[in-house]
Amino acid sequence: MAEEFFDYAENDSWGLLTRNSLQLSNSDAYLATVMAKKSDPDTVDHADVRIPPPLIYVAGFVLGLLLERVLPILVLPKIASRVAAVLCVALWAILSVWSIGLFHRARTSFLPIKPTTALVIYGPYQFTRNPMYLGFICLYLGLAVWLGVFWALILLPAVIAVIQCYVIVREEQYLERKFGEEYLRYKAAVRRWI
């Protein structure tokens, strides 16, 4: 393993990694090789999502907060916004707890960086293929409405687009490779969102 890393390091286009500058054990060299090379989605037994999806929602929300401080747009009605916020957050909690419970019952991981060992297609997964991401949208909406961050609401479609293109498409490709026809039948029967 160490030799494989050093072969890779000697071909480093920036010339930063050399055999002389690195004194690595075999396990360190293996880890460095894994980190340095881009993973091949056909050989990785997970969705190869490199940024945790909740961080994408957080990034959009924080950007909305910053924009709201610089360019405030609109003040939402307090009572109506509080009721809507509580309902959204409650829906997030229900979808998240229910979905995670189903994953635990099926003895599979809900994290896109770990292997999926079973398809979960019951509970909220009968109505949407992505109830946890839908739940995060509800949480995002609830916080934006409660805090009066109108810019976060404006940015939500961009956040959803990033989740769909960067996370969901990778997860779907992985599940198609892993479960084949079983997943394709499920995908044809249940919508991606709602």
Protein backbone atom coordinates (compact mmCIF):
# COMPACT_ATOMS: atom_id res chain seq x y z
CA MET A 1 0.00 0.00 0.00
CA ALA A 2 2.75 2.45 0.86
CA GLU A 3 4.40 1.91 -2.54
CA GLU A 4 1.06 2.56 -4.29
CA PHE A 5 0.75 5.86 -2.43
CA PHE A 6 4.31 6.88 -3.29
CA ASP A 7 3.74 6.00 -6.96
CA TYR A 8 0.70 8.27 -6.86
CA ALA A 9 2.59 10.97 -4.94
CA GLU A 10 5.46 11.02 -7.42
CA ASN A 11 2.96 11.75 -10.19
CA ASP A 12 1.45 14.66 -8.24
CA SER A 13 1.07 17.53 -10.72
CA TRP A 14 1.79 20.19 -8.10
CA GLY A 15 4.93 18.50 -6.90
CA LEU A 16 3.89 18.82 -3.27
CA LEU A 17 4.03 15.14 -2.38
CA THR A 18 7.34 13.31 -2.63
CA ARG A 19 8.79 10.15 -1.22
CA ASN A 20 11.35 12.14 0.74
CA SER A 21 8.87 14.56 2.33
CA LEU A 22 6.54 11.85 3.62
CA GLN A 23 7.35 9.19 6.16
CA LEU A 24 4.11 7.19 6.33
CA SER A 25 3.23 3.82 7.76
CA ASN A 26 1.30 1.41 5.55
CA SER A 27 -2.02 2.34 7.20
CA ASP A 28 -1.30 6.08 6.87
CA ALA A 29 -0.27 5.62 3.25
CA TYR A 30 -3.46 3.70 2.53
CA LEU A 31 -5.58 6.44 4.13
CA ALA A 32 -3.74 9.11 2.17
CA THR A 33 -4.25 7.17 -1.07
CA VAL A 34 -7.97 6.81 -0.41
CA MET A 35 -8.29 10.50 0.39
CA ALA A 36 -6.18 11.65 -2.56
CA LYS A 37 -7.93 9.65 -5.26
CA LYS A 38 -11.44 10.49 -6.35
CA SER A 39 -13.79 7.63 -5.50
CA ASP A 40 -15.37 5.65 -8.31
CA PRO A 41 -19.14 5.55 -7.70
CA ASP A 42 -19.35 2.11 -9.33
CA THR A 43 -17.04 0.54 -6.73
CA VAL A 44 -18.13 2.45 -3.61
CA ASP A 45 -20.88 0.82 -1.53
CA HIS A 46 -22.65 4.04 -0.63
CA ALA A 47 -24.12 7.07 -2.41
CA ASP A 48 -20.78 8.94 -2.40
CA VAL A 49 -22.37 12.11 -1.03
CA ARG A 50 -19.45 14.11 0.35
CA ILE A 51 -21.25 16.99 2.07
CA PRO A 52 -23.81 16.03 4.71
CA PRO A 53 -27.22 17.09 3.32
CA PRO A 54 -28.22 18.99 6.49
CA LEU A 55 -25.21 21.27 5.92
CA ILE A 56 -26.63 22.27 2.53
CA TYR A 57 -29.83 23.40 4.22
CA VAL A 58 -27.82 25.21 6.91
CA ALA A 59 -25.68 26.99 4.29
CA GLY A 60 -28.78 28.26 2.46
CA PHE A 61 -30.35 29.39 5.71
CA VAL A 62 -27.21 31.18 6.93
CA LEU A 63 -26.89 32.94 3.58
CA GLY A 64 -30.53 34.01 3.95
CA LEU A 65 -29.81 35.33 7.46
CA LEU A 66 -26.85 37.34 6.20
CA LEU A 67 -28.85 38.78 3.32
CA GLU A 68 -31.70 39.61 5.70
CA ARG A 69 -29.34 41.64 7.88
CA VAL A 70 -28.00 43.58 4.89
CA LEU A 71 -31.21 43.90 2.85
CA PRO A 72 -34.32 43.23 4.95
CA ILE A 73 -37.31 42.63 2.71
CA LEU A 74 -40.53 41.88 4.48
CA VAL A 75 -41.95 41.47 7.95
CA LEU A 76 -44.27 38.48 8.13
CA PRO A 77 -47.48 38.62 10.22
CA LYS A 78 -46.50 37.40 13.69
CA ILE A 79 -49.39 35.13 14.72
CA ALA A 80 -49.86 33.46 11.34
CA SER A 81 -46.13 32.97 10.90
CA ARG A 82 -45.75 31.44 14.38
CA VAL A 83 -48.58 28.95 13.77
CA ALA A 84 -47.14 28.01 10.36
CA ALA A 85 -43.66 27.66 11.88
CA VAL A 86 -44.85 25.35 14.64
CA LEU A 87 -46.72 23.17 12.12
CA CYS A 88 -43.66 22.97 9.86
CA VAL A 89 -41.30 22.06 12.69
CA ALA A 90 -43.78 19.46 13.99
CA LEU A 91 -44.00 17.91 10.50
CA TRP A 92 -40.18 17.82 10.34
CA ALA A 93 -40.01 16.05 13.70
CA ILE A 94 -42.65 13.48 12.72
CA LEU A 95 -41.06 12.70 9.34
CA SER A 96 -37.55 12.49 10.80
CA VAL A 97 -38.36 10.30 13.79
CA TRP A 98 -40.62 8.05 11.73
CA SER A 99 -38.07 7.66 8.91
CA ILE A 100 -35.09 7.04 11.18
CA GLY A 101 -37.12 4.50 13.14
CA LEU A 102 -37.94 2.63 9.92
CA PHE A 103 -34.27 2.57 8.93
CA HIS A 104 -33.30 1.19 12.33
CA ARG A 105 -36.03 -1.44 12.11
CA ALA A 106 -34.75 -2.47 8.65
CA ARG A 107 -31.20 -2.56 10.06
CA THR A 108 -29.83 -0.20 7.43
CA SER A 109 -28.18 3.20 7.55
CA PHE A 110 -29.95 6.43 6.72
CA LEU A 111 -26.58 8.17 6.22
CA PRO A 112 -25.61 8.54 2.54
CA ILE A 113 -21.94 7.82 3.38
CA LYS A 114 -22.69 4.32 4.63
CA PRO A 115 -23.88 1.22 2.75
CA THR A 116 -27.59 0.62 2.35
CA THR A 117 -28.50 -2.98 3.11
CA ALA A 118 -32.28 -2.83 2.61
CA LEU A 119 -34.85 -0.71 0.81
CA VAL A 120 -37.25 1.11 3.10
CA ILE A 121 -40.48 1.53 1.12
CA TYR A 122 -43.19 1.73 3.76
CA GLY A 123 -44.41 4.42 6.14
CA PRO A 124 -43.78 7.89 4.68
CA TYR A 125 -41.75 6.23 1.91
CA GLN A 126 -45.06 5.13 0.38
CA PHE A 127 -45.83 8.79 -0.41
CA THR A 128 -42.40 10.30 -1.07
CA ARG A 129 -39.02 8.77 -1.79
CA ASN A 130 -37.34 11.44 0.34
CA PRO A 131 -39.31 12.08 3.53
CA MET A 132 -36.21 13.11 5.49
CA TYR A 133 -35.23 15.75 2.93
CA LEU A 134 -38.86 16.85 2.80
CA GLY A 135 -38.71 17.08 6.59
CA PHE A 136 -35.62 19.28 6.37
CA ILE A 137 -37.53 21.55 4.01
CA CYS A 138 -40.26 21.79 6.64
CA LEU A 139 -37.70 22.62 9.34
CA TYR A 140 -36.07 25.22 7.09
CA LEU A 141 -39.47 26.78 6.34
CA GLY A 142 -40.46 26.72 9.99
CA LEU A 143 -37.28 28.45 11.14
CA ALA A 144 -37.40 30.99 8.32
CA VAL A 145 -41.01 31.91 9.07
CA TRP A 146 -40.53 31.95 12.87
CA LEU A 147 -37.45 34.16 12.64
CA GLY A 148 -38.85 36.28 9.80
CA VAL A 149 -35.97 35.52 7.43
CA PHE A 150 -37.68 36.17 4.11
CA TRP A 151 -34.41 35.82 2.18
CA ALA A 152 -34.16 32.21 3.38
CA LEU A 153 -37.56 31.58 1.79
CA ILE A 154 -36.33 33.11 -1.47
CA LEU A 155 -33.23 30.89 -1.39
CA LEU A 156 -35.15 27.68 -0.62
CA PRO A 157 -35.65 26.68 -4.30
CA ALA A 158 -31.88 26.90 -4.83
CA VAL A 159 -31.28 24.76 -1.73
CA ILE A 160 -33.77 22.17 -3.02
CA ALA A 161 -32.07 22.18 -6.43
CA VAL A 162 -28.67 21.52 -4.83
CA ILE A 163 -30.13 18.71 -2.70
CA GLN A 164 -31.80 17.17 -5.74
CA CYS A 165 -28.81 17.45 -8.10
CA TYR A 166 -26.00 16.78 -5.67
CA VAL A 167 -27.54 14.38 -3.14
CA ILE A 168 -30.71 12.72 -4.39
CA VAL A 169 -29.46 11.94 -7.90
CA ARG A 170 -26.36 10.25 -6.42
CA GLU A 171 -28.47 8.29 -3.94
CA GLU A 172 -30.85 7.16 -6.68
CA GLN A 173 -27.99 6.05 -8.93
CA TYR A 174 -26.49 4.09 -6.04
CA LEU A 175 -29.81 2.45 -5.16
CA GLU A 176 -30.39 1.51 -8.82
CA ARG A 177 -26.96 -0.16 -8.95
CA LYS A 178 -27.45 -1.90 -5.61
CA PHE A 179 -31.09 -3.04 -5.83
CA GLY A 180 -31.76 -3.01 -9.57
CA GLU A 181 -35.29 -3.79 -10.68
CA GLU A 182 -36.70 -3.69 -7.14
CA TYR A 183 -35.67 -0.05 -6.76
CA LEU A 184 -36.76 0.86 -10.29
CA ARG A 185 -40.28 -0.47 -9.55
CA TYR A 186 -40.39 1.56 -6.33
CA LYS A 187 -39.06 4.65 -8.13
CA ALA A 188 -41.77 4.31 -10.80
CA ALA A 189 -44.51 3.99 -8.17
CA VAL A 190 -43.54 6.77 -5.71
CA ARG A 191 -42.76 10.40 -6.48
CA ARG A 192 -39.40 11.93 -5.58
CA TRP A 193 -40.90 14.68 -3.40
CA ILE A 194 -44.70 14.76 -2.94
